[in-house]
Amino acid sequence: MSDDVELQPAAVGAMAVRFRASGMELGRVRDAHAAATAEAVVPVARAHERAVHRWTEGLRVAAAALVEVGTELDACVRATTDGDERTAATFRGVQP
């Protein structure tokens, strides 16, 4: 059994779009979450503040990672469609 995986440029491009869209939507949710928790009606304990901070920071990291994956997938597609093997991007060990 071979570990070789062949990714079609159209499929990788579609994945890039979805990852980027998901990351951007997650970023919008994070912003909305941060805004909603910034103006709490009832004062909250420090434990809650820490949880809010961790959740918000986790959303920021996840959103950035998803957008980055989409960008990397786009780079793989561009390198493949350009036909320049020397500059073809490697994504997680898979040569496009």
PDB file of N, CA and C in Angstrom:
ATOM      1  N   MET A   1       0.839  -1.171   0.000  1.00  0.00           N
ATOM      2  CA  MET A   1       0.000   0.000   0.000  1.00  0.00           C
ATOM      3  C   MET A   1       0.887   1.238   0.000  1.00  0.00           C
ATOM      4  N   SER A   2       0.589   2.143  -0.865  1.00  0.00           N
ATOM      5  CA  SER A   2       1.385   3.349  -1.020  1.00  0.00           C
ATOM      6  C   SER A   2       0.794   4.494  -0.196  1.00  0.00           C
ATOM      7  N   ASP A   3       1.683   5.343   0.303  1.00  0.00           N
ATOM      8  CA  ASP A   3       1.249   6.532   1.041  1.00  0.00           C
ATOM      9  C   ASP A   3       1.075   7.731   0.120  1.00  0.00           C
ATOM     10  N   ASP A   4       1.351   7.546  -1.178  1.00  0.00           N
ATOM     11  CA  ASP A   4       1.234   8.654  -2.123  1.00  0.00           C
ATOM     12  C   ASP A   4      -0.209   9.109  -2.233  1.00  0.00           C
ATOM     13  N   VAL A   5      -0.392  10.406  -2.230  1.00  0.00           N
ATOM     14  CA  VAL A   5      -1.717  10.999  -2.369  1.00  0.00           C
ATOM     15  C   VAL A   5      -1.631  12.021  -3.488  1.00  0.00           C
ATOM     16  N   GLU A   6      -2.553  11.941  -4.418  1.00  0.00           N
ATOM     17  CA  GLU A   6      -2.580  12.924  -5.495  1.00  0.00           C
ATOM     18  C   GLU A   6      -3.783  13.827  -5.294  1.00  0.00           C
ATOM     19  N   LEU A   7      -3.513  15.104  -5.174  1.00  0.00           N
ATOM     20  CA  LEU A   7      -4.580  16.075  -4.996  1.00  0.00           C
ATOM     21  C   LEU A   7      -4.787  16.820  -6.308  1.00  0.00           C
ATOM     22  N   GLN A   8      -6.010  16.871  -6.755  1.00  0.00           N
ATOM     23  CA  GLN A   8      -6.336  17.601  -7.972  1.00  0.00           C
ATOM     24  C   GLN A   8      -6.393  19.095  -7.647  1.00  0.00           C
ATOM     25  N   PRO A   9      -5.841  19.937  -8.526  1.00  0.00           N
ATOM     26  CA  PRO A   9      -5.836  21.378  -8.250  1.00  0.00           C
ATOM     27  C   PRO A   9      -7.220  21.948  -7.947  1.00  0.00           C
ATOM     28  N   ALA A  10      -8.241  21.508  -8.657  1.00  0.00           N
ATOM     29  CA  ALA A  10      -9.591  22.038  -8.405  1.00  0.00           C
ATOM     30  C   ALA A  10     -10.073  21.677  -7.003  1.00  0.00           C
ATOM     31  N   ALA A  11      -9.780  20.450  -6.576  1.00  0.00           N
ATOM     32  CA  ALA A  11     -10.201  20.014  -5.241  1.00  0.00           C
ATOM     33  C   ALA A  11      -9.449  20.788  -4.164  1.00  0.00           C
ATOM     34  N   VAL A  12      -8.153  20.977  -4.374  1.00  0.00           N
ATOM     35  CA  VAL A  12      -7.355  21.723  -3.398  1.00  0.00           C
ATOM     36  C   VAL A  12      -7.809  23.180  -3.357  1.00  0.00           C
ATOM     37  N   GLY A  13      -8.114  23.734  -4.518  1.00  0.00           N
ATOM     38  CA  GLY A  13      -8.615  25.105  -4.565  1.00  0.00           C
ATOM     39  C   GLY A  13      -9.923  25.249  -3.814  1.00  0.00           C
ATOM     40  N   ALA A  14     -10.807  24.268  -3.977  1.00  0.00           N
ATOM     41  CA  ALA A  14     -12.090  24.293  -3.263  1.00  0.00           C
ATOM     42  C   ALA A  14     -11.868  24.197  -1.757  1.00  0.00           C
ATOM     43  N   MET A  15     -10.911  23.347  -1.343  1.00  0.00           N
ATOM     44  CA  MET A  15     -10.601  23.239   0.083  1.00  0.00           C
ATOM     45  C   MET A  15     -10.066  24.572   0.599  1.00  0.00           C
ATOM     46  N   ALA A  16      -9.220  25.223  -0.187  1.00  0.00           N
ATOM     47  CA  ALA A  16      -8.647  26.503   0.231  1.00  0.00           C
ATOM     48  C   ALA A  16      -9.746  27.527   0.475  1.00  0.00           C
ATOM     49  N   VAL A  17     -10.704  27.589  -0.437  1.00  0.00           N
ATOM     50  CA  VAL A  17     -11.814  28.536  -0.294  1.00  0.00           C
ATOM     51  C   VAL A  17     -12.602  28.250   0.974  1.00  0.00           C
ATOM     52  N   ARG A  18     -12.886  26.974   1.223  1.00  0.00           N
ATOM     53  CA  ARG A  18     -13.685  26.615   2.402  1.00  0.00           C
ATOM     54  C   ARG A  18     -12.931  26.884   3.698  1.00  0.00           C
ATOM     55  N   PHE A  19     -11.631  26.543   3.735  1.00  0.00           N
ATOM     56  CA  PHE A  19     -10.844  26.809   4.936  1.00  0.00           C
ATOM     57  C   PHE A  19     -10.797  28.310   5.210  1.00  0.00           C
ATOM     58  N   ARG A  20     -10.538  29.091   4.169  1.00  0.00           N
ATOM     59  CA  ARG A  20     -10.436  30.534   4.354  1.00  0.00           C
ATOM     60  C   ARG A  20     -11.774  31.117   4.802  1.00  0.00           C
ATOM     61  N   ALA A  21     -12.865  30.689   4.184  1.00  0.00           N
ATOM     62  CA  ALA A  21     -14.195  31.184   4.562  1.00  0.00           C
ATOM     63  C   ALA A  21     -14.519  30.803   6.007  1.00  0.00           C
ATOM     64  N   SER A  22     -14.184  29.574   6.385  1.00  0.00           N
ATOM     65  CA  SER A  22     -14.431  29.132   7.767  1.00  0.00           C
ATOM     66  C   SER A  22     -13.616  29.956   8.749  1.00  0.00           C
ATOM     67  N   GLY A  23     -12.362  30.201   8.418  1.00  0.00           N
ATOM     68  CA  GLY A  23     -11.513  31.000   9.294  1.00  0.00           C
ATOM     69  C   GLY A  23     -12.014  32.416   9.447  1.00  0.00           C
ATOM     70  N   MET A  24     -12.461  32.998   8.340  1.00  0.00           N
ATOM     71  CA  MET A  24     -12.968  34.367   8.402  1.00  0.00           C
ATOM     72  C   MET A  24     -14.270  34.433   9.194  1.00  0.00           C
ATOM     73  N   GLU A  25     -15.149  33.449   9.013  1.00  0.00           N
ATOM     74  CA  GLU A  25     -16.397  33.411   9.780  1.00  0.00           C
ATOM     75  C   GLU A  25     -16.101  33.213  11.265  1.00  0.00           C
ATOM     76  N   LEU A  26     -15.152  32.333  11.569  1.00  0.00           N
ATOM     77  CA  LEU A  26     -14.771  32.119  12.959  1.00  0.00           C
ATOM     78  C   LEU A  26     -14.205  33.407  13.554  1.00  0.00           C
ATOM     79  N   GLY A  27     -13.463  34.160  12.767  1.00  0.00           N
ATOM     80  CA  GLY A  27     -12.954  35.450  13.221  1.00  0.00           C
ATOM     81  C   GLY A  27     -14.080  36.421  13.535  1.00  0.00           C
ATOM     82  N   ARG A  28     -15.118  36.439  12.686  1.00  0.00           N
ATOM     83  CA  ARG A  28     -16.274  37.318  12.941  1.00  0.00           C
ATOM     84  C   ARG A  28     -16.998  36.892  14.223  1.00  0.00           C
ATOM     85  N   VAL A  29     -17.136  35.585  14.422  1.00  0.00           N
ATOM     86  CA  VAL A  29     -17.782  35.081  15.643  1.00  0.00           C
ATOM     87  C   VAL A  29     -16.959  35.472  16.861  1.00  0.00           C
ATOM     88  N   ARG A  30     -15.640  35.360  16.740  1.00  0.00           N
ATOM     89  CA  ARG A  30     -14.768  35.738  17.845  1.00  0.00           C
ATOM     90  C   ARG A  30     -14.948  37.213  18.173  1.00  0.00           C
ATOM     91  N   ASP A  31     -14.996  38.057  17.150  1.00  0.00           N
ATOM     92  CA  ASP A  31     -15.187  39.494  17.383  1.00  0.00           C
ATOM     93  C   ASP A  31     -16.527  39.771  18.066  1.00  0.00           C
ATOM     94  N   ALA A  32     -17.580  39.104  17.607  1.00  0.00           N
ATOM     95  CA  ALA A  32     -18.906  39.275  18.214  1.00  0.00           C
ATOM     96  C   ALA A  32     -18.896  38.798  19.661  1.00  0.00           C
ATOM     97  N   HIS A  33     -18.221  37.678  19.902  1.00  0.00           N
ATOM     98  CA  HIS A  33     -18.120  37.137  21.259  1.00  0.00           C
ATOM     99  C   HIS A  33     -17.378  38.118  22.168  1.00  0.00           C
ATOM    100  N   ALA A  34     -16.272  38.650  21.669  1.00  0.00           N
ATOM    101  CA  ALA A  34     -15.491  39.598  22.469  1.00  0.00           C
ATOM    102  C   ALA A  34     -16.316  40.846  22.777  1.00  0.00           C
ATOM    103  N   ALA A  35     -17.054  41.342  21.792  1.00  0.00           N
ATOM    104  CA  ALA A  35     -17.881  42.534  22.004  1.00  0.00           C
ATOM    105  C   ALA A  35     -19.000  42.260  23.002  1.00  0.00           C
ATOM    106  N   ALA A  36     -19.624  41.090  22.885  1.00  0.00           N
ATOM    107  CA  ALA A  36     -20.739  40.759  23.778  1.00  0.00           C
ATOM    108  C   ALA A  36     -20.278  40.595  25.218  1.00  0.00           C
ATOM    109  N   THR A  37     -19.090  40.058  25.414  1.00  0.00           N
ATOM    110  CA  THR A  37     -18.615  39.834  26.779  1.00  0.00           C
ATOM    111  C   THR A  37     -17.944  41.063  27.362  1.00  0.00           C
ATOM    112  N   ALA A  38     -17.633  42.050  26.533  1.00  0.00           N
ATOM    113  CA  ALA A  38     -16.977  43.260  27.031  1.00  0.00           C
ATOM    114  C   ALA A  38     -17.941  44.132  27.825  1.00  0.00           C
ATOM    115  N   GLU A  39     -19.221  44.011  27.536  1.00  0.00           N
ATOM    116  CA  GLU A  39     -20.214  44.852  28.196  1.00  0.00           C
ATOM    117  C   GLU A  39     -21.226  43.994  28.951  1.00  0.00           C
ATOM    118  N   ALA A  40     -20.738  43.217  29.871  1.00  0.00           N
ATOM    119  CA  ALA A  40     -21.620  42.343  30.643  1.00  0.00           C
ATOM    120  C   ALA A  40     -22.580  43.178  31.488  1.00  0.00           C
ATOM    121  N   VAL A  41     -23.822  42.720  31.560  1.00  0.00           N
ATOM    122  CA  VAL A  41     -24.836  43.417  32.347  1.00  0.00           C
ATOM    123  C   VAL A  41     -24.555  43.243  33.834  1.00  0.00           C
ATOM    124  N   VAL A  42     -24.183  42.053  34.216  1.00  0.00           N
ATOM    125  CA  VAL A  42     -23.908  41.742  35.614  1.00  0.00           C
ATOM    126  C   VAL A  42     -22.398  41.548  35.779  1.00  0.00           C
ATOM    127  N   PRO A  43     -21.806  42.155  36.812  1.00  0.00           N
ATOM    128  CA  PRO A  43     -20.373  41.921  37.029  1.00  0.00           C
ATOM    129  C   PRO A  43     -20.086  40.421  37.185  1.00  0.00           C
ATOM    130  N   VAL A  44     -18.972  40.011  36.662  1.00  0.00           N
ATOM    131  CA  VAL A  44     -18.645  38.586  36.641  1.00  0.00           C
ATOM    132  C   VAL A  44     -17.369  38.344  37.432  1.00  0.00           C
ATOM    133  N   ALA A  45     -17.228  37.130  37.935  1.00  0.00           N
ATOM    134  CA  ALA A  45     -16.053  36.767  38.731  1.00  0.00           C
ATOM    135  C   ALA A  45     -14.815  36.666  37.846  1.00  0.00           C
ATOM    136  N   ARG A  46     -13.641  36.710  38.472  1.00  0.00           N
ATOM    137  CA  ARG A  46     -12.381  36.602  37.728  1.00  0.00           C
ATOM    138  C   ARG A  46     -12.283  35.289  36.959  1.00  0.00           C
ATOM    139  N   ALA A  47     -12.803  34.237  37.501  1.00  0.00           N
ATOM    140  CA  ALA A  47     -12.755  32.945  36.802  1.00  0.00           C
ATOM    141  C   ALA A  47     -13.480  33.032  35.466  1.00  0.00           C
ATOM    142  N   HIS A  48     -14.602  33.726  35.466  1.00  0.00           N
ATOM    143  CA  HIS A  48     -15.346  33.891  34.214  1.00  0.00           C
ATOM    144  C   HIS A  48     -14.547  34.746  33.228  1.00  0.00           C
ATOM    145  N   GLU A  49     -13.913  35.783  33.712  1.00  0.00           N
ATOM    146  CA  GLU A  49     -13.102  36.643  32.849  1.00  0.00           C
ATOM    147  C   GLU A  49     -11.970  35.855  32.205  1.00  0.00           C
ATOM    148  N   ARG A  50     -11.329  34.983  32.991  1.00  0.00           N
ATOM    149  CA  ARG A  50     -10.255  34.146  32.433  1.00  0.00           C
ATOM    150  C   ARG A  50     -10.799  33.205  31.373  1.00  0.00           C
ATOM    151  N   ALA A  51     -11.957  32.610  31.640  1.00  0.00           N
ATOM    152  CA  ALA A  51     -12.559  31.689  30.665  1.00  0.00           C
ATOM    153  C   ALA A  51     -12.909  32.424  29.370  1.00  0.00           C
ATOM    154  N   VAL A  52     -13.450  33.617  29.498  1.00  0.00           N
ATOM    155  CA  VAL A  52     -13.791  34.420  28.317  1.00  0.00           C
ATOM    156  C   VAL A  52     -12.526  34.740  27.530  1.00  0.00           C
ATOM    157  N   HIS A  53     -11.472  35.134  28.232  1.00  0.00           N
ATOM    158  CA  HIS A  53     -10.215  35.462  27.551  1.00  0.00           C
ATOM    159  C   HIS A  53      -9.660  34.241  26.816  1.00  0.00           C
ATOM    160  N   ARG A  54      -9.645  33.103  27.480  1.00  0.00           N
ATOM    161  CA  ARG A  54      -9.119  31.877  26.848  1.00  0.00           C
ATOM    162  C   ARG A  54      -9.951  31.490  25.635  1.00  0.00           C
ATOM    163  N   TRP A  55     -11.256  31.558  25.760  1.00  0.00           N
ATOM    164  CA  TRP A  55     -12.151  31.212  24.648  1.00  0.00           C
ATOM    165  C   TRP A  55     -11.916  32.153  23.468  1.00  0.00           C
ATOM    166  N   THR A  56     -11.853  33.448  23.757  1.00  0.00           N
ATOM    167  CA  THR A  56     -11.647  34.439  22.702  1.00  0.00           C
ATOM    168  C   THR A  56     -10.289  34.245  22.033  1.00  0.00           C
ATOM    169  N   GLU A  57      -9.266  34.006  22.810  1.00  0.00           N
ATOM    170  CA  GLU A  57      -7.932  33.775  22.253  1.00  0.00           C
ATOM    171  C   GLU A  57      -7.903  32.486  21.434  1.00  0.00           C
ATOM    172  N   GLY A  58      -8.575  31.454  21.910  1.00  0.00           N
ATOM    173  CA  GLY A  58      -8.653  30.202  21.158  1.00  0.00           C
ATOM    174  C   GLY A  58      -9.336  30.391  19.815  1.00  0.00           C
ATOM    175  N   LEU A  59     -10.407  31.174  19.793  1.00  0.00           N
ATOM    176  CA  LEU A  59     -11.088  31.468  18.526  1.00  0.00           C
ATOM    177  C   LEU A  59     -10.181  32.251  17.583  1.00  0.00           C
ATOM    178  N   ARG A  60      -9.410  33.184  18.118  1.00  0.00           N
ATOM    179  CA  ARG A  60      -8.492  33.962  17.281  1.00  0.00           C
ATOM    180  C   ARG A  60      -7.454  33.051  16.631  1.00  0.00           C
ATOM    181  N   VAL A  61      -6.879  32.159  17.418  1.00  0.00           N
ATOM    182  CA  VAL A  61      -5.865  31.240  16.901  1.00  0.00           C
ATOM    183  C   VAL A  61      -6.469  30.302  15.860  1.00  0.00           C
ATOM    184  N   ALA A  62      -7.647  29.757  16.148  1.00  0.00           N
ATOM    185  CA  ALA A  62      -8.298  28.843  15.207  1.00  0.00           C
ATOM    186  C   ALA A  62      -8.640  29.547  13.899  1.00  0.00           C
ATOM    187  N   ALA A  63      -9.152  30.762  13.985  1.00  0.00           N
ATOM    188  CA  ALA A  63      -9.504  31.516  12.778  1.00  0.00           C
ATOM    189  C   ALA A  63      -8.265  31.781  11.935  1.00  0.00           C
ATOM    190  N   ALA A  64      -7.190  32.203  12.566  1.00  0.00           N
ATOM    191  CA  ALA A  64      -5.953  32.480  11.833  1.00  0.00           C
ATOM    192  C   ALA A  64      -5.401  31.215  11.188  1.00  0.00           C
ATOM    193  N   ALA A  65      -5.476  30.094  11.902  1.00  0.00           N
ATOM    194  CA  ALA A  65      -4.972  28.831  11.357  1.00  0.00           C
ATOM    195  C   ALA A  65      -5.774  28.395  10.138  1.00  0.00           C
ATOM    196  N   LEU A  66      -7.085  28.531  10.195  1.00  0.00           N
ATOM    197  CA  LEU A  66      -7.917  28.139   9.051  1.00  0.00           C
ATOM    198  C   LEU A  66      -7.629  29.004   7.830  1.00  0.00           C
ATOM    199  N   VAL A  67      -7.482  30.295   8.034  1.00  0.00           N
ATOM    200  CA  VAL A  67      -7.164  31.183   6.910  1.00  0.00           C
ATOM    201  C   VAL A  67      -5.792  30.828   6.342  1.00  0.00           C
ATOM    202  N   GLU A  68      -4.834  30.518   7.212  1.00  0.00           N
ATOM    203  CA  GLU A  68      -3.492  30.152   6.759  1.00  0.00           C
ATOM    204  C   GLU A  68      -3.506  28.858   5.954  1.00  0.00           C
ATOM    205  N   VAL A  69      -4.294  27.877   6.387  1.00  0.00           N
ATOM    206  CA  VAL A  69      -4.405  26.627   5.628  1.00  0.00           C
ATOM    207  C   VAL A  69      -4.955  26.909   4.236  1.00  0.00           C
ATOM    208  N   GLY A  70      -5.976  27.740   4.155  1.00  0.00           N
ATOM    209  CA  GLY A  70      -6.528  28.095   2.847  1.00  0.00           C
ATOM    210  C   GLY A  70      -5.493  28.753   1.954  1.00  0.00           C
ATOM    211  N   THR A  71      -4.698  29.640   2.520  1.00  0.00           N
ATOM    212  CA  THR A  71      -3.652  30.316   1.755  1.00  0.00           C
ATOM    213  C   THR A  71      -2.595  29.324   1.286  1.00  0.00           C
ATOM    214  N   GLU A  72      -2.197  28.398   2.151  1.00  0.00           N
ATOM    215  CA  GLU A  72      -1.215  27.376   1.778  1.00  0.00           C
ATOM    216  C   GLU A  72      -1.750  26.472   0.675  1.00  0.00           C
ATOM    217  N   LEU A  73      -3.020  26.105   0.765  1.00  0.00           N
ATOM    218  CA  LEU A  73      -3.611  25.270  -0.279  1.00  0.00           C
ATOM    219  C   LEU A  73      -3.629  26.010  -1.612  1.00  0.00           C
ATOM    220  N   ASP A  74      -3.934  27.296  -1.582  1.00  0.00           N
ATOM    221  CA  ASP A  74      -3.879  28.093  -2.809  1.00  0.00           C
ATOM    222  C   ASP A  74      -2.468  28.103  -3.389  1.00  0.00           C
ATOM    223  N   ALA A  75      -1.465  28.206  -2.542  1.00  0.00           N
ATOM    224  CA  ALA A  75      -0.075  28.197  -3.004  1.00  0.00           C
ATOM    225  C   ALA A  75       0.257  26.871  -3.677  1.00  0.00           C
ATOM    226  N   CYS A  76      -0.248  25.779  -3.127  1.00  0.00           N
ATOM    227  CA  CYS A  76      -0.034  24.459  -3.739  1.00  0.00           C
ATOM    228  C   CYS A  76      -0.636  24.416  -5.135  1.00  0.00           C
ATOM    229  N   VAL A  77      -1.840  24.924  -5.259  1.00  0.00           N
ATOM    230  CA  VAL A  77      -2.514  24.918  -6.563  1.00  0.00           C
ATOM    231  C   VAL A  77      -1.742  25.777  -7.552  1.00  0.00           C
ATOM    232  N   ARG A  78      -1.328  26.977  -7.129  1.00  0.00           N
ATOM    233  CA  ARG A  78      -0.585  27.863  -8.038  1.00  0.00           C
ATOM    234  C   ARG A  78       0.712  27.215  -8.495  1.00  0.00           C
ATOM    235  N   ALA A  79       1.437  26.602  -7.569  1.00  0.00           N
ATOM    236  CA  ALA A  79       2.706  25.967  -7.930  1.00  0.00           C
ATOM    237  C   ALA A  79       2.482  24.820  -8.901  1.00  0.00           C
ATOM    238  N   THR A  80       1.413  24.076  -8.698  1.00  0.00           N
ATOM    239  CA  THR A  80       1.115  22.948  -9.574  1.00  0.00           C
ATOM    240  C   THR A  80       0.699  23.430 -10.953  1.00  0.00           C
ATOM    241  N   THR A  81      -0.186  24.406 -10.998  1.00  0.00           N
ATOM    242  CA  THR A  81      -0.676  24.868 -12.298  1.00  0.00           C
ATOM    243  C   THR A  81       0.390  25.655 -13.050  1.00  0.00           C
ATOM    244  N   ASP A  82       1.347  26.248 -12.345  1.00  0.00           N
ATOM    245  CA  ASP A  82       2.461  26.929 -13.010  1.00  0.00           C
ATOM    246  C   ASP A  82       3.429  25.927 -13.623  1.00  0.00           C
ATOM    247  N   GLY A  83       3.394  24.689 -13.141  1.00  0.00           N
ATOM    248  CA  GLY A  83       4.249  23.637 -13.679  1.00  0.00           C
ATOM    249  C   GLY A  83       5.709  23.767 -13.288  1.00  0.00           C
ATOM    250  N   ASP A  84       6.011  24.561 -12.299  1.00  0.00           N
ATOM    251  CA  ASP A  84       7.391  24.737 -11.863  1.00  0.00           C
ATOM    252  C   ASP A  84       7.648  23.814 -10.685  1.00  0.00           C
ATOM    253  N   GLU A  85       8.219  22.657 -10.970  1.00  0.00           N
ATOM    254  CA  GLU A  85       8.434  21.644  -9.926  1.00  0.00           C
ATOM    255  C   GLU A  85       9.376  22.138  -8.826  1.00  0.00           C
ATOM    256  N   ARG A  86      10.314  23.015  -9.177  1.00  0.00           N
ATOM    257  CA  ARG A  86      11.273  23.479  -8.170  1.00  0.00           C
ATOM    258  C   ARG A  86      10.621  24.377  -7.128  1.00  0.00           C
ATOM    259  N   THR A  87       9.553  25.041  -7.500  1.00  0.00           N
ATOM    260  CA  THR A  87       8.906  25.936  -6.532  1.00  0.00           C
ATOM    261  C   THR A  87       7.574  25.396  -6.040  1.00  0.00           C
ATOM    262  N   ALA A  88       7.235  24.172  -6.439  1.00  0.00           N
ATOM    263  CA  ALA A  88       5.963  23.592  -5.999  1.00  0.00           C
ATOM    264  C   ALA A  88       5.960  23.470  -4.480  1.00  0.00           C
ATOM    265  N   ALA A  89       4.884  23.918  -3.890  1.00  0.00           N
ATOM    266  CA  ALA A  89       4.775  23.902  -2.423  1.00  0.00           C
ATOM    267  C   ALA A  89       4.476  22.500  -1.924  1.00  0.00           C
ATOM    268  N   THR A  90       5.015  22.169  -0.782  1.00  0.00           N
ATOM    269  CA  THR A  90       4.705  20.901  -0.141  1.00  0.00           C
ATOM    270  C   THR A  90       3.768  21.202   1.014  1.00  0.00           C
ATOM    271  N   PHE A  91       2.616  20.562   1.018  1.00  0.00           N
ATOM    272  CA  PHE A  91       1.632  20.771   2.074  1.00  0.00           C
ATOM    273  C   PHE A  91       1.503  19.486   2.871  1.00  0.00           C
ATOM    274  N   ARG A  92       1.973  19.525   4.088  1.00  0.00           N
ATOM    275  CA  ARG A  92       1.928  18.369   4.988  1.00  0.00           C
ATOM    276  C   ARG A  92       2.500  17.118   4.333  1.00  0.00           C
ATOM    277  N   GLY A  93       3.599  17.282   3.633  1.00  0.00           N
ATOM    278  CA  GLY A  93       4.293  16.140   3.060  1.00  0.00           C
ATOM    279  C   GLY A  93       3.730  15.651   1.747  1.00  0.00           C
ATOM    280  N   VAL A  94       2.708  16.306   1.227  1.00  0.00           N
ATOM    281  CA  VAL A  94       2.108  15.885  -0.039  1.00  0.00           C
ATOM    282  C   VAL A  94       2.599  16.824  -1.121  1.00  0.00           C
ATOM    283  N   GLN A  95       3.293  16.276  -2.104  1.00  0.00           N
ATOM    284  CA  GLN A  95       3.790  17.089  -3.215  1.00  0.00           C
ATOM    285  C   GLN A  95       2.681  17.237  -4.244  1.00  0.00           C
ATOM    286  N   PRO A  96       2.256  18.462  -4.550  1.00  0.00           N
ATOM    287  CA  PRO A  96       1.161  18.633  -5.519  1.00  0.00           C
ATOM    288  C   PRO A  96       1.597  18.275  -6.937  1.00  0.00           C
TER     289      PRO A  96
END
